Amino acid sequence: MVARDTERPLGRAAGTGSRGRTRQRRHHLHDSVLQTLTLIERAAGDEAAVIRLARTQERELRNALQPEGTGDASSFLSDLRALEDEIENDYGVRVELVVVGDCVSDERVTALVAAGREAAINAAGGLGGADIDLRRSGRDNAQPLRARPRFRL
């Protein structure tokens, strides 16, 4: 039996640096996908639950594939993505988020997202499961956020 030196040179410890972060992200993503597939298998008879699980996994994959440093936790876009998650999970409808531009979250952005939440809840709850378009164009806080139902044909 041959003994091998398993020590790594200084500065190359496991889990450090860019490679370590990438490896951790891949591992988390792999585990997340496997968990979702298991949940989908268990919920195979419940179409709404399967759709909800698939959409949640899709969002998680999209977020994981974004380059590091994007999707700041205190941005308007990140607040809208959280709203998208909330509405889809709570009401079982698909939310299509279309946003042009982003800005730092402040009290105006918080108020805009809160108003968008109310409009999306009204559209989801009062219209019998219609999908919802959340749209906003423009890079400043003055542009409105529109929540519109999109009926399934």
C-alpha atoms as a PDB file:
ATOM      1  CA  MET A   1       0.000   0.000   0.000  1.00  0.00           C
ATOM      2  CA  VAL A   2       1.354   3.397  -0.946  1.00  0.00           C
ATOM      3  CA  ALA A   3       0.683   6.344   1.319  1.00  0.00           C
ATOM      4  CA  ARG A   4      -0.268   9.544  -0.488  1.00  0.00           C
ATOM      5  CA  ASP A   5       0.208  13.051   0.713  1.00  0.00           C
ATOM      6  CA  THR A   6      -3.302  14.445   1.011  1.00  0.00           C
ATOM      7  CA  GLU A   7      -2.299  17.859   2.246  1.00  0.00           C
ATOM      8  CA  ARG A   8      -2.865  20.769  -0.095  1.00  0.00           C
ATOM      9  CA  PRO A   9      -0.513  23.689  -0.514  1.00  0.00           C
ATOM     10  CA  LEU A  10      -1.329  26.781   1.548  1.00  0.00           C
ATOM     11  CA  GLY A  11      -3.976  28.963  -0.066  1.00  0.00           C
ATOM     12  CA  ARG A  12      -5.641  26.047  -1.819  1.00  0.00           C
ATOM     13  CA  ALA A  13      -7.776  24.669   0.991  1.00  0.00           C
ATOM     14  CA  ALA A  14     -10.984  22.925   0.063  1.00  0.00           C
ATOM     15  CA  GLY A  15     -13.936  25.233  -0.340  1.00  0.00           C
ATOM     16  CA  THR A  16     -11.968  28.454  -0.624  1.00  0.00           C
ATOM     17  CA  GLY A  17     -11.706  30.764  -3.545  1.00  0.00           C
ATOM     18  CA  SER A  18     -13.702  30.877  -6.731  1.00  0.00           C
ATOM     19  CA  ARG A  19     -13.517  27.126  -7.400  1.00  0.00           C
ATOM     20  CA  GLY A  20     -14.825  26.325  -3.949  1.00  0.00           C
ATOM     21  CA  ARG A  21     -17.775  28.697  -4.334  1.00  0.00           C
ATOM     22  CA  THR A  22     -18.551  27.269  -7.758  1.00  0.00           C
ATOM     23  CA  ARG A  23     -18.393  23.735  -6.384  1.00  0.00           C
ATOM     24  CA  GLN A  24     -20.693  24.679  -3.494  1.00  0.00           C
ATOM     25  CA  ARG A  25     -23.185  26.328  -5.877  1.00  0.00           C
ATOM     26  CA  ARG A  26     -23.204  23.233  -8.100  1.00  0.00           C
ATOM     27  CA  HIS A  27     -23.702  20.945  -5.110  1.00  0.00           C
ATOM     28  CA  HIS A  28     -26.586  23.061  -3.776  1.00  0.00           C
ATOM     29  CA  LEU A  29     -28.168  23.233  -7.226  1.00  0.00           C
ATOM     30  CA  HIS A  30     -27.853  19.469  -7.689  1.00  0.00           C
ATOM     31  CA  ASP A  31     -29.439  18.777  -4.296  1.00  0.00           C
ATOM     32  CA  SER A  32     -32.224  21.266  -4.960  1.00  0.00           C
ATOM     33  CA  VAL A  33     -33.104  19.718  -8.319  1.00  0.00           C
ATOM     34  CA  LEU A  34     -33.126  16.210  -6.829  1.00  0.00           C
ATOM     35  CA  GLN A  35     -35.390  17.322  -3.980  1.00  0.00           C
ATOM     36  CA  THR A  36     -37.782  18.987  -6.402  1.00  0.00           C
ATOM     37  CA  LEU A  37     -37.911  15.921  -8.627  1.00  0.00           C
ATOM     38  CA  THR A  38     -38.742  13.782  -5.604  1.00  0.00           C
ATOM     39  CA  LEU A  39     -41.511  16.191  -4.564  1.00  0.00           C
ATOM     40  CA  ILE A  40     -42.896  16.237  -8.106  1.00  0.00           C
ATOM     41  CA  GLU A  41     -42.933  12.437  -8.165  1.00  0.00           C
ATOM     42  CA  ARG A  42     -44.865  12.375  -4.875  1.00  0.00           C
ATOM     43  CA  ALA A  43     -47.342  15.002  -6.092  1.00  0.00           C
ATOM     44  CA  ALA A  44     -47.845  13.448  -9.536  1.00  0.00           C
ATOM     45  CA  GLY A  45     -51.614  13.299  -9.080  1.00  0.00           C
ATOM     46  CA  ASP A  46     -51.903  16.982  -8.174  1.00  0.00           C
ATOM     47  CA  GLU A  47     -51.290  18.992 -11.338  1.00  0.00           C
ATOM     48  CA  ALA A  48     -51.357  22.373  -9.558  1.00  0.00           C
ATOM     49  CA  ALA A  49     -48.736  21.227  -7.034  1.00  0.00           C
ATOM     50  CA  VAL A  50     -46.495  19.871  -9.790  1.00  0.00           C
ATOM     51  CA  ILE A  51     -46.718  23.145 -11.727  1.00  0.00           C
ATOM     52  CA  ARG A  52     -45.971  25.152  -8.585  1.00  0.00           C
ATOM     53  CA  LEU A  53     -42.930  22.985  -7.773  1.00  0.00           C
ATOM     54  CA  ALA A  54     -41.637  23.231 -11.330  1.00  0.00           C
ATOM     55  CA  ARG A  55     -41.975  27.034 -11.398  1.00  0.00           C
ATOM     56  CA  THR A  56     -40.234  27.359  -8.033  1.00  0.00           C
ATOM     57  CA  GLN A  57     -37.375  25.197  -9.279  1.00  0.00           C
ATOM     58  CA  GLU A  58     -37.182  27.199 -12.504  1.00  0.00           C
ATOM     59  CA  ARG A  59     -36.793  30.442 -10.541  1.00  0.00           C
ATOM     60  CA  GLU A  60     -34.146  28.905  -8.305  1.00  0.00           C
ATOM     61  CA  LEU A  61     -32.200  27.656 -11.325  1.00  0.00           C
ATOM     62  CA  ARG A  62     -32.377  31.060 -13.014  1.00  0.00           C
ATOM     63  CA  ASN A  63     -31.143  32.775  -9.862  1.00  0.00           C
ATOM     64  CA  ALA A  64     -28.328  30.250  -9.414  1.00  0.00           C
ATOM     65  CA  LEU A  65     -27.163  30.694 -12.995  1.00  0.00           C
ATOM     66  CA  GLN A  66     -26.882  34.475 -12.711  1.00  0.00           C
ATOM     67  CA  PRO A  67     -23.310  35.714 -12.490  1.00  0.00           C
ATOM     68  CA  GLU A  68     -22.148  36.498  -8.965  1.00  0.00           C
ATOM     69  CA  GLY A  69     -22.744  40.091  -7.980  1.00  0.00           C
ATOM     70  CA  THR A  70     -26.051  40.396  -9.863  1.00  0.00           C
ATOM     71  CA  GLY A  71     -29.429  40.363  -8.208  1.00  0.00           C
ATOM     72  CA  ASP A  72     -28.505  42.563  -5.262  1.00  0.00           C
ATOM     73  CA  ALA A  73     -30.669  41.735  -2.248  1.00  0.00           C
ATOM     74  CA  SER A  74     -31.723  45.377  -1.896  1.00  0.00           C
ATOM     75  CA  SER A  75     -32.817  46.088  -5.465  1.00  0.00           C
ATOM     76  CA  PHE A  76     -36.209  46.673  -7.012  1.00  0.00           C
ATOM     77  CA  LEU A  77     -35.813  43.596  -9.212  1.00  0.00           C
ATOM     78  CA  SER A  78     -34.999  41.337  -6.248  1.00  0.00           C
ATOM     79  CA  ASP A  79     -38.079  42.662  -4.423  1.00  0.00           C
ATOM     80  CA  LEU A  80     -40.220  41.860  -7.471  1.00  0.00           C
ATOM     81  CA  ARG A  81     -38.756  38.370  -7.746  1.00  0.00           C
ATOM     82  CA  ALA A  82     -39.683  37.761  -4.112  1.00  0.00           C
ATOM     83  CA  LEU A  83     -43.200  39.016  -4.895  1.00  0.00           C
ATOM     84  CA  GLU A  84     -43.361  36.681  -7.897  1.00  0.00           C
ATOM     85  CA  ASP A  85     -42.435  33.743  -5.633  1.00  0.00           C
ATOM     86  CA  GLU A  86     -44.986  34.750  -3.023  1.00  0.00           C
ATOM     87  CA  ILE A  87     -47.916  35.119  -5.428  1.00  0.00           C
ATOM     88  CA  GLU A  88     -47.148  31.909  -7.332  1.00  0.00           C
ATOM     89  CA  ASN A  89     -46.763  29.861  -4.155  1.00  0.00           C
ATOM     90  CA  ASP A  90     -49.733  31.323  -2.290  1.00  0.00           C
ATOM     91  CA  TYR A  91     -52.247  31.490  -5.168  1.00  0.00           C
ATOM     92  CA  GLY A  92     -51.100  28.783  -7.574  1.00  0.00           C
ATOM     93  CA  VAL A  93     -50.978  31.099 -10.579  1.00  0.00           C
ATOM     94  CA  ARG A  94     -48.124  31.773 -12.929  1.00  0.00           C
ATOM     95  CA  VAL A  95     -46.631  35.241 -12.681  1.00  0.00           C
ATOM     96  CA  GLU A  96     -44.765  36.558 -15.710  1.00  0.00           C
ATOM     97  CA  LEU A  97     -42.357  39.244 -14.560  1.00  0.00           C
ATOM     98  CA  VAL A  98     -41.221  41.742 -17.201  1.00  0.00           C
ATOM     99  CA  VAL A  99     -39.038  44.541 -15.879  1.00  0.00           C
ATOM    100  CA  VAL A 100     -36.800  46.938 -17.787  1.00  0.00           C
ATOM    101  CA  GLY A 101     -34.152  48.501 -15.583  1.00  0.00           C
ATOM    102  CA  ASP A 102     -33.414  48.201 -11.903  1.00  0.00           C
ATOM    103  CA  CYS A 103     -32.743  50.570  -9.039  1.00  0.00           C
ATOM    104  CA  VAL A 104     -31.784  50.464  -5.396  1.00  0.00           C
ATOM    105  CA  SER A 105     -34.648  49.678  -3.079  1.00  0.00           C
ATOM    106  CA  ASP A 106     -35.887  52.626  -1.024  1.00  0.00           C
ATOM    107  CA  GLU A 107     -39.209  53.628   0.544  1.00  0.00           C
ATOM    108  CA  ARG A 108     -40.699  54.542  -2.863  1.00  0.00           C
ATOM    109  CA  VAL A 109     -39.729  51.148  -4.248  1.00  0.00           C
ATOM    110  CA  THR A 110     -41.146  49.424  -1.169  1.00  0.00           C
ATOM    111  CA  ALA A 111     -44.441  51.278  -1.647  1.00  0.00           C
ATOM    112  CA  LEU A 112     -44.495  50.398  -5.356  1.00  0.00           C
ATOM    113  CA  VAL A 113     -43.897  46.704  -4.616  1.00  0.00           C
ATOM    114  CA  ALA A 114     -46.606  46.753  -1.911  1.00  0.00           C
ATOM    115  CA  ALA A 115     -49.078  48.255  -4.404  1.00  0.00           C
ATOM    116  CA  GLY A 116     -48.039  45.651  -6.974  1.00  0.00           C
ATOM    117  CA  ARG A 117     -48.596  42.919  -4.382  1.00  0.00           C
ATOM    118  CA  GLU A 118     -52.155  44.128  -3.751  1.00  0.00           C
ATOM    119  CA  ALA A 119     -52.908  44.340  -7.478  1.00  0.00           C
ATOM    120  CA  ALA A 120     -51.462  40.861  -8.084  1.00  0.00           C
ATOM    121  CA  ILE A 121     -53.408  39.379  -5.160  1.00  0.00           C
ATOM    122  CA  ASN A 122     -56.608  40.946  -6.476  1.00  0.00           C
ATOM    123  CA  ALA A 123     -55.931  39.573  -9.952  1.00  0.00           C
ATOM    124  CA  ALA A 124     -55.045  36.112  -8.629  1.00  0.00           C
ATOM    125  CA  GLY A 125     -57.834  35.801  -6.105  1.00  0.00           C
ATOM    126  CA  GLY A 126     -60.684  37.441  -7.925  1.00  0.00           C
ATOM    127  CA  LEU A 127     -60.266  36.098 -11.418  1.00  0.00           C
ATOM    128  CA  GLY A 128     -60.373  32.351 -10.997  1.00  0.00           C
ATOM    129  CA  GLY A 129     -56.734  31.441 -11.407  1.00  0.00           C
ATOM    130  CA  ALA A 130     -55.756  33.652 -14.319  1.00  0.00           C
ATOM    131  CA  ASP A 131     -52.046  34.016 -14.929  1.00  0.00           C
ATOM    132  CA  ILE A 132     -50.652  37.440 -14.096  1.00  0.00           C
ATOM    133  CA  ASP A 133     -48.322  39.755 -15.958  1.00  0.00           C
ATOM    134  CA  LEU A 134     -46.289  42.071 -13.710  1.00  0.00           C
ATOM    135  CA  ARG A 135     -44.740  44.713 -15.936  1.00  0.00           C
ATOM    136  CA  ARG A 136     -42.651  47.804 -15.445  1.00  0.00           C
ATOM    137  CA  SER A 137     -40.516  49.775 -17.859  1.00  0.00           C
ATOM    138  CA  GLY A 138     -38.141  52.586 -17.082  1.00  0.00           C
ATOM    139  CA  ARG A 139     -35.167  52.957 -14.821  1.00  0.00           C
ATOM    140  CA  ASP A 140     -36.532  55.410 -12.298  1.00  0.00           C
ATOM    141  CA  ASN A 141     -38.951  54.943  -9.422  1.00  0.00           C
ATOM    142  CA  ALA A 142     -41.620  57.080 -11.074  1.00  0.00           C
ATOM    143  CA  GLN A 143     -42.695  54.413 -13.570  1.00  0.00           C
ATOM    144  CA  PRO A 144     -45.802  52.437 -12.611  1.00  0.00           C
ATOM    145  CA  LEU A 145     -45.922  48.717 -11.950  1.00  0.00           C
ATOM    146  CA  ARG A 146     -48.813  47.063 -13.749  1.00  0.00           C
ATOM    147  CA  ALA A 147     -50.429  43.777 -12.709  1.00  0.00           C
ATOM    148  CA  ARG A 148     -52.731  42.378 -15.360  1.00  0.00           C
ATOM    149  CA  PRO A 149     -54.541  39.051 -15.538  1.00  0.00           C
ATOM    150  CA  ARG A 150     -53.820  36.840 -18.533  1.00  0.00           C
ATOM    151  CA  PHE A 151     -56.617  34.339 -18.952  1.00  0.00           C
ATOM    152  CA  ARG A 152     -55.887  30.795 -20.050  1.00  0.00           C
ATOM    153  CA  LEU A 153     -57.662  29.751 -23.205  1.00  0.00           C
END
